[in-house]
C-alpha atoms as a PDB file:
ATOM      1  CA  MET A   1      65.046  26.575-186.985  1.00  0.00           C
ATOM      2  CA  LYS A   2      65.552  29.800-185.231  1.00  0.00           C
ATOM      3  CA  PRO A   3      68.929  29.886-183.435  1.00  0.00           C
ATOM      4  CA  GLY A   4      69.173  30.202-179.751  1.00  0.00           C
ATOM      5  CA  ILE A   5      65.679  29.342-178.655  1.00  0.00           C
ATOM      6  CA  HIS A   6      65.703  25.495-178.884  1.00  0.00           C
ATOM      7  CA  PRO A   7      67.189  23.228-176.333  1.00  0.00           C
ATOM      8  CA  PRO A   8      70.118  21.075-177.382  1.00  0.00           C
ATOM      9  CA  TYR A   9      69.144  17.803-179.143  1.00  0.00           C
ATOM     10  CA  ARG A  10      71.602  15.121-178.132  1.00  0.00           C
ATOM     11  CA  PRO A  11      71.912  11.283-177.415  1.00  0.00           C
ATOM     12  CA  VAL A  12      70.085  10.309-174.152  1.00  0.00           C
ATOM     13  CA  VAL A  13      69.657   6.808-172.588  1.00  0.00           C
ATOM     14  CA  PHE A  14      66.104   6.023-171.307  1.00  0.00           C
ATOM     15  CA  ARG A  15      66.066   3.305-168.772  1.00  0.00           C
ATOM     16  CA  ASP A  16      63.046   1.354-167.545  1.00  0.00           C
ATOM     17  CA  ARG A  17      64.149  -0.168-164.156  1.00  0.00           C
ATOM     18  CA  SER A  18      61.083  -2.287-163.723  1.00  0.00           C
ATOM     19  CA  ALA A  19      61.824  -4.318-166.906  1.00  0.00           C
ATOM     20  CA  ASP A  20      65.674  -3.967-166.782  1.00  0.00           C
ATOM     21  CA  PHE A  21      65.493  -2.458-170.223  1.00  0.00           C
ATOM     22  CA  ALA A  22      67.382   0.668-171.704  1.00  0.00           C
ATOM     23  CA  PHE A  23      67.575   2.251-175.122  1.00  0.00           C
ATOM     24  CA  LEU A  24      69.737   4.969-176.604  1.00  0.00           C
ATOM     25  CA  THR A  25      67.928   7.686-178.646  1.00  0.00           C
ATOM     26  CA  ARG A  26      68.174  11.461-179.260  1.00  0.00           C
ATOM     27  CA  SER A  27      66.229  13.806-177.095  1.00  0.00           C
ATOM     28  CA  THR A  28      66.076  17.212-175.527  1.00  0.00           C
ATOM     29  CA  MET A  29      65.590  15.793-172.052  1.00  0.00           C
ATOM     30  CA  THR A  30      68.378  16.110-169.554  1.00  0.00           C
ATOM     31  CA  GLY A  31      69.304  13.970-166.582  1.00  0.00           C
ATOM     32  CA  ASP A  32      71.448  14.387-163.615  1.00  0.00           C
ATOM     33  CA  LYS A  33      72.813  10.903-163.833  1.00  0.00           C
ATOM     34  CA  THR A  34      75.064   9.458-166.528  1.00  0.00           C
ATOM     35  CA  ILE A  35      75.593   5.912-167.714  1.00  0.00           C
ATOM     36  CA  GLU A  36      78.414   4.314-169.747  1.00  0.00           C
ATOM     37  CA  TRP A  37      76.706   2.697-172.835  1.00  0.00           C
ATOM     38  CA  GLU A  38      77.785  -0.323-174.820  1.00  0.00           C
ATOM     39  CA  ASP A  39      79.826   1.790-177.288  1.00  0.00           C
ATOM     40  CA  GLY A  40      82.010   3.108-174.453  1.00  0.00           C
ATOM     41  CA  ASN A  41      80.646   6.682-174.394  1.00  0.00           C
ATOM     42  CA  THR A  42      79.036   8.296-171.475  1.00  0.00           C
ATOM     43  CA  TYR A  43      75.468   9.553-171.864  1.00  0.00           C
ATOM     44  CA  PRO A  44      72.865  11.204-169.658  1.00  0.00           C
ATOM     45  CA  VAL A  45      70.237   8.716-168.437  1.00  0.00           C
ATOM     46  CA  VAL A  46      66.591   9.272-167.832  1.00  0.00           C
ATOM     47  CA  ASP A  47      64.593   6.841-165.652  1.00  0.00           C
ATOM     48  CA  VAL A  48      61.116   6.144-166.968  1.00  0.00           C
ATOM     49  CA  GLU A  49      58.302   4.199-165.258  1.00  0.00           C
ATOM     50  CA  ILE A  50      56.884   2.420-168.330  1.00  0.00           C
ATOM     51  CA  SER A  51      58.469   1.588-171.688  1.00  0.00           C
ATOM     52  CA  SER A  52      57.631  -0.837-174.516  1.00  0.00           C
ATOM     53  CA  ALA A  53      59.286  -3.691-172.425  1.00  0.00           C
ATOM     54  CA  SER A  54      56.827  -3.303-169.483  1.00  0.00           C
ATOM     55  CA  HIS A  55      53.702  -1.739-170.969  1.00  0.00           C
ATOM     56  CA  PRO A  56      50.833  -4.345-171.095  1.00  0.00           C
ATOM     57  CA  PHE A  57      49.827  -3.510-174.622  1.00  0.00           C
ATOM     58  CA  TYR A  58      53.249  -4.269-175.933  1.00  0.00           C
ATOM     59  CA  THR A  59      54.018  -7.280-173.754  1.00  0.00           C
ATOM     60  CA  GLY A  60      50.620  -8.960-174.480  1.00  0.00           C
ATOM     61  CA  THR A  61      49.567  -9.186-170.769  1.00  0.00           C
ATOM     62  CA  GLN A  62      46.747  -6.788-170.962  1.00  0.00           C
ATOM     63  CA  ARG A  63      43.498  -7.752-169.339  1.00  0.00           C
ATOM     64  CA  VAL A  64      40.033  -7.449-170.935  1.00  0.00           C
ATOM     65  CA  LEU A  65      37.519  -5.840-168.547  1.00  0.00           C
ATOM     66  CA  ASP A  66      34.298  -7.515-167.868  1.00  0.00           C
ATOM     67  CA  THR A  67      32.134  -4.583-168.948  1.00  0.00           C
ATOM     68  CA  ALA A  68      28.986  -6.708-169.393  1.00  0.00           C
ATOM     69  CA  GLY A  69      29.170  -7.770-165.799  1.00  0.00           C
ATOM     70  CA  ARG A  70      29.521  -4.263-164.610  1.00  0.00           C
ATOM     71  CA  VAL A  71      26.604  -3.005-166.546  1.00  0.00           C
ATOM     72  CA  GLU A  72      24.324  -5.942-165.255  1.00  0.00           C
ATOM     73  CA  ARG A  73      25.500  -5.271-161.697  1.00  0.00           C
ATOM     74  CA  PHE A  74      24.669  -1.474-162.117  1.00  0.00           C
ATOM     75  CA  GLU A  75      21.239  -2.295-163.563  1.00  0.00           C
ATOM     76  CA  ARG A  76      20.367  -4.727-160.673  1.00  0.00           C
ATOM     77  CA  ARG A  77      21.507  -2.028-158.208  1.00  0.00           C
ATOM     78  CA  TYR A  78      19.882   1.001-159.730  1.00  0.00           C
ATOM     79  CA  GLY A  79      17.346  -0.321-162.263  1.00  0.00           C
ATOM     80  CA  SER A  80      17.458  -0.356-166.003  1.00  0.00           C
ATOM     81  CA  ARG A  81      17.329   2.792-168.207  1.00  0.00           C
ATOM     82  CA  GLY A  82      13.881   2.107-169.543  1.00  0.00           C
ATOM     83  CA  ALA A  83      12.198   2.077-166.092  1.00  0.00           C
ATOM     84  CA  ARG A  84      12.142   5.888-165.783  1.00  0.00           C
END
């Protein structure tokens, strides 16, 4: 890498407050807050809205949309495509 143009790559804690979940990884992101981690060291913390602990795809709580009902309702309201 070319020296002097890249931000520092260091350990950062990402915290999902909605799921009460946090994980330590390396990143170039910075945060104003710090947190004391399980190993006794202090790291910058970045609060995120969604993580693997709260995302519906990973938790198995995703909903399947009723697309057939929506199409039928649209066709009742505006007519079918073949009626042009």
